[in-house]
Amino acid sequence: MGKKITRRQAITRTSMALGAAILGNLGLALAAPAGAKSAQRPNILLLVADGWSWQGSEAVDRLGLRMPTFARLQRDGISFENAFTESPGAQLPCVDMLKKSGYAVASDDFDTFLAKRTAGKPLLFCLESKSSHRRSNAAIDTANPVVPPYLPDTPAVRSDIGAYRSEIERFDHEAGLLIERLERAGRLSDTLVVMTGKGGFPFPRGAGTLYDAGTHVPLVVMYPGGVAAGRVTKSLVGSTDLAAIVLDVTGAAKRETINARTFVLTGSESYPSRAIRTPQYLYIRNAFPDRWPAGAPARQAVTPARLDSDISAAFAGIAPCPSKTAMIVGRGNPAMDRLLDLATAKRPAAELYDVRTDPYQLNNLAAAPAMKAIVARLDKQLASHHGDT
């Protein structure tokens, strides 16, 4: 009998192979850029915004974000239109993996990033922006956004989206400054740049859920001369795949081949749930449909001021924000009640959404007779992956 491996080792090996397979299927050039030493491993610039997420299944900006740095990386790198975080709040695993493969990690001194590369030691620099934490003094632009249909289109919500947008745009600006410094230092050609989000859309029915607003994130990878520019892929990838892609490009993992797999998502500890995401369907199994998915409602009336500052005041699974406050305070209005229920009401044991025709996952098809065979197939697949994520 072969030597047993741990569950974490199995996941890591599988994700490495998947990442290599994704790259191989795309036909990406993984050779060192022209002029770089063949044995030289690239620096890595990892740009991550907490709360930066698509609002549904479409990888399309509908909030009017001004992100020239992201646009540049899309133009000069490869865009992953179906990138997901496998569980709410999941951390990117590539940092620990790269440490083990010999990379030094820095997050607060960019000058060190440049100096250490000059000294011949590969370095991973992480810029992580807390974009979901809106600043009260931020300049707010409430024009242009298309408010997702699971949120009320009110001045308070538009203002909240404006504050969120300001933080995402600030992150993009900070990322651009770092890339400009790399260019001036002549280091961009040997640096792998990854720009992505995590944590989910920080609004009701977004972050903390297994709907696409909670898991579907932007992801672009640029490696001048080493990754083909202007490529777009619709392959389903997750944070473990991102780790594998980075390890493969840096030479830290041996390339392998592997068959296609099913993409599995895992919910939070407070509301256990699991899901399968395919190019067409999102199928969710909620382990305890008698629980409140976003935390219990308030037992008595609460003031807007308390809702704005105290996460435990009501629906503790949703972080305080003006949108949450507006929806709770607006109860009694049928339209507002419907939207609040979408975000907070108890959910059935099974949910099925056709993400191609229902990008915001508003119409649960699980009980539809015509979908019985699809539900049975996806349920069987999900059960076969129990314990694998």
Protein backbone atom coordinates (compact mmCIF):
# COMPACT_ATOMS: atom_id res chain seq x y z
CA MET A 1 0.00 0.00 0.00
CA GLY A 2 1.34 3.45 -0.89
CA LYS A 3 2.19 6.07 1.66
CA LYS A 4 -0.87 7.96 2.88
CA ILE A 5 -1.04 11.69 2.30
CA THR A 6 -2.97 14.28 4.24
CA ARG A 7 -6.13 15.91 2.94
CA ARG A 8 -4.27 19.23 2.60
CA GLN A 9 -1.48 17.56 0.59
CA ALA A 10 -4.04 15.97 -1.70
CA ILE A 11 -5.75 19.30 -2.31
CA THR A 12 -2.42 21.01 -2.97
CA ARG A 13 -1.28 18.35 -5.44
CA THR A 14 -4.61 18.40 -7.23
CA SER A 15 -4.70 22.18 -7.46
CA MET A 16 -1.13 22.26 -8.84
CA ALA A 17 -2.10 19.84 -11.57
CA LEU A 18 -5.29 21.76 -12.31
CA GLY A 19 -3.45 25.03 -12.60
CA ALA A 20 -0.94 23.48 -14.99
CA ALA A 21 -3.75 21.96 -17.01
CA ILE A 22 -5.54 25.31 -17.26
CA LEU A 23 -2.36 26.99 -18.48
CA GLY A 24 -1.63 24.16 -20.88
CA ASN A 25 -5.13 24.25 -22.34
CA LEU A 26 -4.72 27.96 -22.96
CA GLY A 27 -1.40 27.42 -24.70
CA LEU A 28 0.30 30.04 -22.55
CA ALA A 29 4.00 30.69 -22.95
CA LEU A 30 5.66 30.04 -19.60
CA ALA A 31 9.23 30.65 -20.66
CA ALA A 32 11.23 33.38 -18.95
CA PRO A 33 10.82 36.77 -20.64
CA ALA A 34 13.38 37.78 -23.25
CA GLY A 35 16.56 39.00 -21.60
CA ALA A 36 15.93 37.20 -18.30
CA LYS A 37 18.27 34.52 -17.02
CA SER A 38 16.83 31.07 -17.63
CA ALA A 39 17.27 30.02 -13.99
CA GLN A 40 15.95 33.25 -12.59
CA ARG A 41 12.59 32.94 -10.89
CA PRO A 42 10.33 35.98 -11.24
CA ASN A 43 9.40 38.37 -8.50
CA ILE A 44 5.68 38.33 -7.75
CA LEU A 45 3.47 41.34 -7.11
CA LEU A 46 0.18 40.17 -5.58
CA LEU A 47 -2.53 42.84 -5.58
CA VAL A 48 -5.64 41.87 -3.59
CA ALA A 49 -8.69 43.96 -2.73
CA ASP A 50 -10.91 42.69 0.07
CA GLY A 51 -14.50 42.92 -1.10
CA TRP A 52 -13.76 43.48 -4.79
CA SER A 53 -16.17 41.18 -6.55
CA TRP A 54 -18.48 40.87 -9.49
CA GLN A 55 -22.12 41.34 -8.49
CA GLY A 56 -23.39 38.25 -10.31
CA SER A 57 -22.34 35.65 -12.86
CA GLU A 58 -21.27 38.18 -15.50
CA ALA A 59 -17.67 39.41 -15.36
CA VAL A 60 -18.81 42.88 -16.31
CA ASP A 61 -18.40 46.15 -14.44
CA ARG A 62 -21.86 47.64 -13.93
CA LEU A 63 -20.87 50.02 -11.14
CA GLY A 64 -19.00 52.51 -13.32
CA LEU A 65 -15.61 51.75 -11.76
CA ARG A 66 -12.65 53.74 -13.06
CA MET A 67 -9.77 51.24 -12.92
CA PRO A 68 -7.02 52.04 -15.42
CA THR A 69 -4.54 49.68 -13.77
CA PHE A 70 -6.91 46.73 -13.99
CA ALA A 71 -7.64 47.66 -17.62
CA ARG A 72 -3.92 47.70 -18.38
CA LEU A 73 -3.38 44.26 -16.86
CA GLN A 74 -6.32 42.92 -18.85
CA ARG A 75 -4.75 44.31 -22.02
CA ASP A 76 -1.24 43.02 -21.27
CA GLY A 77 -2.08 39.79 -19.45
CA ILE A 78 -4.70 37.06 -19.18
CA SER A 79 -8.16 37.60 -17.70
CA PHE A 80 -10.02 34.80 -15.90
CA GLU A 81 -13.73 35.57 -16.27
CA ASN A 82 -14.86 32.70 -14.07
CA ALA A 83 -12.62 32.95 -11.02
CA PHE A 84 -14.13 32.06 -7.66
CA THR A 85 -13.19 31.88 -4.00
CA GLU A 86 -14.05 28.39 -2.80
CA SER A 87 -15.47 29.61 0.50
CA PRO A 88 -16.54 32.98 1.96
CA GLY A 89 -13.55 34.85 3.34
CA ALA A 90 -11.04 32.28 2.06
CA GLN A 91 -7.40 33.37 2.06
CA LEU A 92 -5.21 32.99 -1.00
CA PRO A 93 -3.12 29.83 -0.41
CA CYS A 94 -0.28 30.73 -2.78
CA VAL A 95 1.51 32.88 -0.18
CA ASP A 96 2.30 29.97 2.14
CA MET A 97 3.15 27.71 -0.80
CA LEU A 98 5.59 30.26 -2.23
CA LYS A 99 7.25 30.74 1.15
CA LYS A 100 7.95 27.02 1.23
CA SER A 101 9.39 27.16 -2.29
CA GLY A 102 11.99 29.78 -1.31
CA TYR A 103 10.28 33.13 -1.78
CA ALA A 104 10.71 35.91 0.77
CA VAL A 105 7.45 37.72 1.50
CA ALA A 106 6.99 41.44 2.14
CA SER A 107 3.89 43.58 2.51
CA ASP A 108 5.00 46.92 3.90
CA ASP A 109 8.29 47.97 2.28
CA PHE A 110 8.30 48.16 -1.49
CA ASP A 111 11.89 49.43 -1.54
CA THR A 112 12.91 46.09 -0.01
CA PHE A 113 11.00 44.34 -2.78
CA LEU A 114 13.19 46.06 -5.37
CA ALA A 115 16.46 45.75 -3.41
CA LYS A 116 16.13 42.05 -2.67
CA ARG A 117 15.51 41.29 -6.32
CA THR A 118 18.66 43.17 -7.18
CA ALA A 119 20.44 40.93 -4.68
CA GLY A 120 19.18 37.87 -6.58
CA LYS A 121 16.54 36.62 -4.14
CA PRO A 122 12.99 36.18 -5.49
CA LEU A 123 10.39 38.06 -3.50
CA LEU A 124 6.63 38.12 -3.20
CA PHE A 125 5.18 41.53 -2.37
CA CYS A 126 1.54 41.67 -1.25
CA LEU A 127 -0.64 44.74 -1.46
CA GLU A 128 -3.91 43.98 0.29
CA SER A 129 -6.51 46.72 0.39
CA LYS A 130 -9.46 46.66 2.78
CA SER A 131 -11.74 47.91 0.05
CA SER A 132 -14.94 46.73 1.70
CA HIS A 133 -14.43 49.17 4.58
CA ARG A 134 -15.94 52.38 3.26
CA ARG A 135 -14.40 55.60 4.55
CA SER A 136 -16.84 58.19 5.89
CA ASN A 137 -14.74 61.00 4.42
CA ALA A 138 -14.45 59.47 0.93
CA ALA A 139 -15.52 61.51 -2.07
CA ILE A 140 -18.75 59.87 -3.20
CA ASP A 141 -20.02 59.73 -6.77
CA THR A 142 -23.55 58.32 -6.89
CA ALA A 143 -23.99 58.56 -10.67
CA ASN A 144 -23.82 55.72 -13.21
CA PRO A 145 -23.94 52.49 -11.20
CA VAL A 146 -26.46 49.84 -12.17
CA VAL A 147 -27.78 48.78 -8.77
CA PRO A 148 -27.96 44.95 -8.59
CA PRO A 149 -31.59 43.79 -8.51
CA TYR A 150 -31.18 42.22 -5.06
CA LEU A 151 -30.60 45.71 -3.60
CA PRO A 152 -33.07 48.60 -3.50
CA ASP A 153 -32.29 51.43 -5.91
CA THR A 154 -32.46 54.26 -3.36
CA PRO A 155 -30.26 57.30 -2.67
CA ALA A 156 -28.84 55.60 0.45
CA VAL A 157 -27.83 52.49 -1.48
CA ARG A 158 -26.41 54.51 -4.37
CA SER A 159 -24.37 56.53 -1.89
CA ASP A 160 -23.13 53.30 -0.30
CA ILE A 161 -22.12 51.92 -3.70
CA GLY A 162 -20.38 55.23 -4.39
CA ALA A 163 -18.33 54.92 -1.19
CA TYR A 164 -17.47 51.32 -2.04
CA ARG A 165 -16.50 52.35 -5.55
CA SER A 166 -14.20 55.05 -4.19
CA GLU A 167 -12.30 52.44 -2.17
CA ILE A 168 -11.92 50.05 -5.12
CA GLU A 169 -10.66 52.89 -7.31
CA ARG A 170 -8.18 53.89 -4.60
CA PHE A 171 -6.86 50.33 -4.56
CA ASP A 172 -6.46 50.42 -8.34
CA HIS A 173 -4.53 53.69 -8.06
CA GLU A 174 -2.21 52.29 -5.38
CA ALA A 175 -1.61 49.18 -7.51
CA GLY A 176 -0.77 51.38 -10.50
CA LEU A 177 1.83 53.32 -8.52
CA LEU A 178 3.64 50.09 -7.61
CA ILE A 179 3.67 48.94 -11.23
CA GLU A 180 5.03 52.33 -12.33
CA ARG A 181 7.86 51.99 -9.81
CA LEU A 182 8.70 48.56 -11.18
CA GLU A 183 8.86 50.02 -14.67
CA ARG A 184 11.13 52.88 -13.63
CA ALA A 185 13.44 50.41 -11.88
CA GLY A 186 13.53 48.17 -14.95
CA ARG A 187 12.01 45.27 -12.97
CA LEU A 188 8.59 44.84 -14.57
CA SER A 189 9.85 42.42 -17.22
CA ASP A 190 10.84 39.86 -14.56
CA THR A 191 7.81 40.34 -12.29
CA LEU A 192 4.64 38.26 -12.31
CA VAL A 193 1.71 40.56 -11.46
CA VAL A 194 -1.54 39.11 -10.10
CA MET A 195 -4.56 41.33 -9.41
CA THR A 196 -7.69 39.91 -7.83
CA GLY A 197 -10.36 40.31 -5.16
CA LYS A 198 -11.58 38.23 -2.26
CA GLY A 199 -14.34 38.11 0.30
CA GLY A 200 -17.33 38.78 -1.94
CA PHE A 201 -19.41 41.88 -2.71
CA PRO A 202 -19.75 43.56 0.73
CA PHE A 203 -23.49 44.19 0.57
CA PRO A 204 -26.59 42.22 1.62
CA ARG A 205 -26.83 38.91 -0.32
CA GLY A 206 -23.21 39.26 -1.38
CA ALA A 207 -20.27 38.58 0.93
CA GLY A 208 -20.68 35.47 3.06
CA THR A 209 -23.02 33.68 0.63
CA LEU A 210 -22.46 31.05 -2.05
CA TYR A 211 -24.27 33.11 -4.66
CA ASP A 212 -21.97 34.51 -7.32
CA ALA A 213 -21.96 37.90 -5.60
CA GLY A 214 -20.22 36.20 -2.69
CA THR A 215 -17.69 34.10 -4.61
CA HIS A 216 -17.14 35.43 -8.16
CA VAL A 217 -14.05 37.65 -8.23
CA PRO A 218 -11.99 39.48 -10.86
CA LEU A 219 -8.63 37.87 -11.65
CA VAL A 220 -5.94 38.94 -14.10
CA VAL A 221 -2.34 37.72 -14.41
CA MET A 222 0.43 39.60 -16.25
CA TYR A 223 3.97 38.39 -16.87
CA PRO A 224 5.55 40.45 -19.69
CA GLY A 225 6.99 38.10 -22.28
CA GLY A 226 6.06 35.07 -20.21
CA VAL A 227 2.25 35.04 -20.47
CA ALA A 228 0.47 35.81 -23.71
CA ALA A 229 -1.11 39.28 -23.63
CA GLY A 230 -4.76 40.06 -24.18
CA ARG A 231 -6.02 36.54 -23.49
CA VAL A 232 -9.41 35.82 -21.92
CA THR A 233 -10.50 32.46 -20.53
CA LYS A 234 -13.87 31.31 -19.28
CA SER A 235 -12.38 28.27 -17.49
CA LEU A 236 -13.65 27.87 -13.93
CA VAL A 237 -10.77 28.54 -11.53
CA GLY A 238 -10.53 28.98 -7.77
CA SER A 239 -8.05 30.36 -5.28
CA THR A 240 -6.23 27.02 -5.10
CA ASP A 241 -5.94 27.08 -8.89
CA LEU A 242 -4.47 30.57 -8.67
CA ALA A 243 -1.84 29.20 -6.32
CA ALA A 244 -1.11 26.43 -8.81
CA ILE A 245 -0.87 28.85 -11.72
CA VAL A 246 1.59 31.04 -9.82
CA LEU A 247 3.65 28.03 -8.72
CA ASP A 248 3.71 26.69 -12.25
CA VAL A 249 4.86 29.98 -13.78
CA THR A 250 7.55 30.42 -11.12
CA GLY A 251 8.84 26.89 -11.54
CA ALA A 252 7.94 25.91 -7.99
CA ALA A 253 5.68 23.07 -9.12
CA LYS A 254 6.15 20.35 -11.70
CA ARG A 255 3.59 20.50 -14.48
CA GLU A 256 1.19 17.61 -14.75
CA THR A 257 -2.00 16.82 -16.61
CA ILE A 258 -5.38 16.09 -15.08
CA ASN A 259 -8.91 15.56 -16.27
CA ALA A 260 -11.62 18.19 -15.86
CA ARG A 261 -13.28 18.42 -12.47
CA THR A 262 -16.37 19.74 -10.76
CA PHE A 263 -15.99 23.06 -8.98
CA VAL A 264 -17.14 22.85 -5.35
CA LEU A 265 -17.85 25.76 -2.99
CA THR A 266 -18.14 25.61 0.79
CA GLY A 267 -20.20 27.93 3.00
CA SER A 268 -19.44 29.50 6.35
CA GLU A 269 -19.28 27.67 9.68
CA SER A 270 -22.29 29.59 10.99
CA TYR A 271 -24.45 28.51 8.03
CA PRO A 272 -23.09 25.22 6.67
CA SER A 273 -23.76 24.83 2.98
CA ARG A 274 -22.03 23.43 -0.08
CA ALA A 275 -22.43 24.12 -3.75
CA ILE A 276 -21.43 23.03 -7.22
CA ARG A 277 -20.76 25.73 -9.80
CA THR A 278 -20.72 24.73 -13.47
CA PRO A 279 -20.64 27.02 -16.52
CA GLN A 280 -24.46 26.93 -16.54
CA TYR A 281 -25.69 26.09 -13.05
CA LEU A 282 -25.19 26.96 -9.42
CA TYR A 283 -26.54 24.22 -7.17
CA ILE A 284 -26.55 24.80 -3.40
CA ARG A 285 -27.33 22.38 -0.59
CA ASN A 286 -28.13 24.08 2.73
CA ALA A 287 -27.47 21.71 5.62
CA PHE A 288 -29.76 23.47 8.11
CA PRO A 289 -32.65 25.20 6.30
CA ASP A 290 -34.23 25.99 9.67
CA ARG A 291 -31.39 28.42 10.48
CA TRP A 292 -31.22 32.08 9.58
CA PRO A 293 -28.57 32.29 6.81
CA ALA A 294 -27.46 35.82 7.67
CA GLY A 295 -28.02 35.60 11.42
CA ALA A 296 -31.17 36.15 13.42
CA PRO A 297 -33.32 39.26 12.95
CA ALA A 298 -33.60 41.85 15.69
CA ARG A 299 -36.06 40.92 18.44
CA GLN A 300 -37.10 44.51 18.86
CA ALA A 301 -36.85 47.77 16.97
CA VAL A 302 -33.32 49.08 16.56
CA THR A 303 -32.18 52.53 15.59
CA PRO A 304 -30.30 53.27 12.36
CA ALA A 305 -27.36 54.49 14.44
CA ARG A 306 -27.05 51.11 16.17
CA LEU A 307 -27.42 49.22 12.90
CA ASP A 308 -24.61 51.30 11.44
CA SER A 309 -22.22 50.48 14.27
CA ASP A 310 -23.23 47.17 15.86
CA ILE A 311 -23.06 44.04 13.72
CA SER A 312 -25.03 42.07 16.32
CA ALA A 313 -28.03 44.42 16.21
CA ALA A 314 -29.63 42.35 13.44
CA PHE A 315 -28.51 39.81 10.84
CA ALA A 316 -24.96 39.54 12.16
CA GLY A 317 -23.87 37.67 9.04
CA ILE A 318 -24.02 40.95 7.11
CA ALA A 319 -21.47 43.57 8.05
CA PRO A 320 -22.85 47.01 8.99
CA CYS A 321 -23.27 49.25 5.96
CA PRO A 322 -25.78 51.91 4.86
CA SER A 323 -27.43 49.45 2.46
CA LYS A 324 -28.16 46.97 5.24
CA THR A 325 -29.50 49.76 7.46
CA ALA A 326 -31.74 51.13 4.68
CA MET A 327 -33.24 47.71 3.99
CA ILE A 328 -34.00 46.99 7.65
CA VAL A 329 -35.37 50.46 8.39
CA GLY A 330 -37.50 50.27 5.24
CA ARG A 331 -39.39 47.17 6.33
CA GLY A 332 -43.11 47.45 5.79
CA ASN A 333 -42.69 48.46 2.17
CA PRO A 334 -43.54 45.32 0.10
CA ALA A 335 -40.70 45.90 -2.38
CA MET A 336 -38.19 46.40 0.43
CA ASP A 337 -39.52 43.38 2.32
CA ARG A 338 -38.99 41.18 -0.75
CA LEU A 339 -35.36 42.29 -1.11
CA LEU A 340 -34.65 41.91 2.61
CA ASP A 341 -36.08 38.39 2.47
CA LEU A 342 -33.79 37.54 -0.46
CA ALA A 343 -30.83 38.48 1.73
CA THR A 344 -31.91 37.17 5.12
CA ALA A 345 -34.92 34.80 5.04
CA LYS A 346 -34.53 31.09 5.74
CA ARG A 347 -33.60 29.17 2.61
CA PRO A 348 -34.76 25.79 1.30
CA ALA A 349 -32.54 22.74 1.53
CA ALA A 350 -31.83 22.87 -2.20
CA GLU A 351 -31.31 25.81 -4.53
CA LEU A 352 -30.67 25.67 -8.27
CA TYR A 353 -30.01 28.62 -10.57
CA ASP A 354 -29.35 28.85 -14.28
CA VAL A 355 -26.58 31.44 -14.19
CA ARG A 356 -26.79 32.09 -17.93
CA THR A 357 -30.39 33.29 -17.82
CA ASP A 358 -30.45 34.37 -14.17
CA PRO A 359 -27.07 36.05 -13.52
CA TYR A 360 -28.07 37.33 -10.06
CA GLN A 361 -29.57 34.00 -8.90
CA LEU A 362 -33.06 35.23 -8.08
CA ASN A 363 -35.19 32.36 -9.45
CA ASN A 364 -34.73 29.07 -7.60
CA LEU A 365 -35.44 26.19 -10.02
CA ALA A 366 -34.77 23.32 -7.61
CA ALA A 367 -38.44 22.39 -7.23
CA ALA A 368 -39.30 22.72 -10.93
CA PRO A 369 -40.34 19.33 -12.41
CA ALA A 370 -38.37 20.03 -15.58
CA MET A 371 -35.16 20.37 -13.54
CA LYS A 372 -35.55 17.13 -11.57
CA ALA A 373 -32.90 15.22 -13.52
CA ILE A 374 -30.41 18.09 -13.32
CA VAL A 375 -30.93 18.43 -9.57
CA ALA A 376 -30.40 14.68 -9.11
CA ARG A 377 -27.20 14.74 -11.18
CA LEU A 378 -25.70 17.74 -9.40
CA ASP A 379 -26.75 16.42 -6.00
CA LYS A 380 -24.96 13.15 -6.72
CA GLN A 381 -21.86 15.00 -7.85
CA LEU A 382 -21.87 17.15 -4.74
CA ALA A 383 -22.20 14.10 -2.52
CA SER A 384 -19.24 12.47 -4.29
CA HIS A 385 -17.08 15.46 -3.41
CA HIS A 386 -17.96 15.39 0.28
CA GLY A 387 -14.86 16.17 2.31
CA ASP A 388 -12.75 17.09 -0.71
CA THR A 389 -12.82 20.85 -0.30
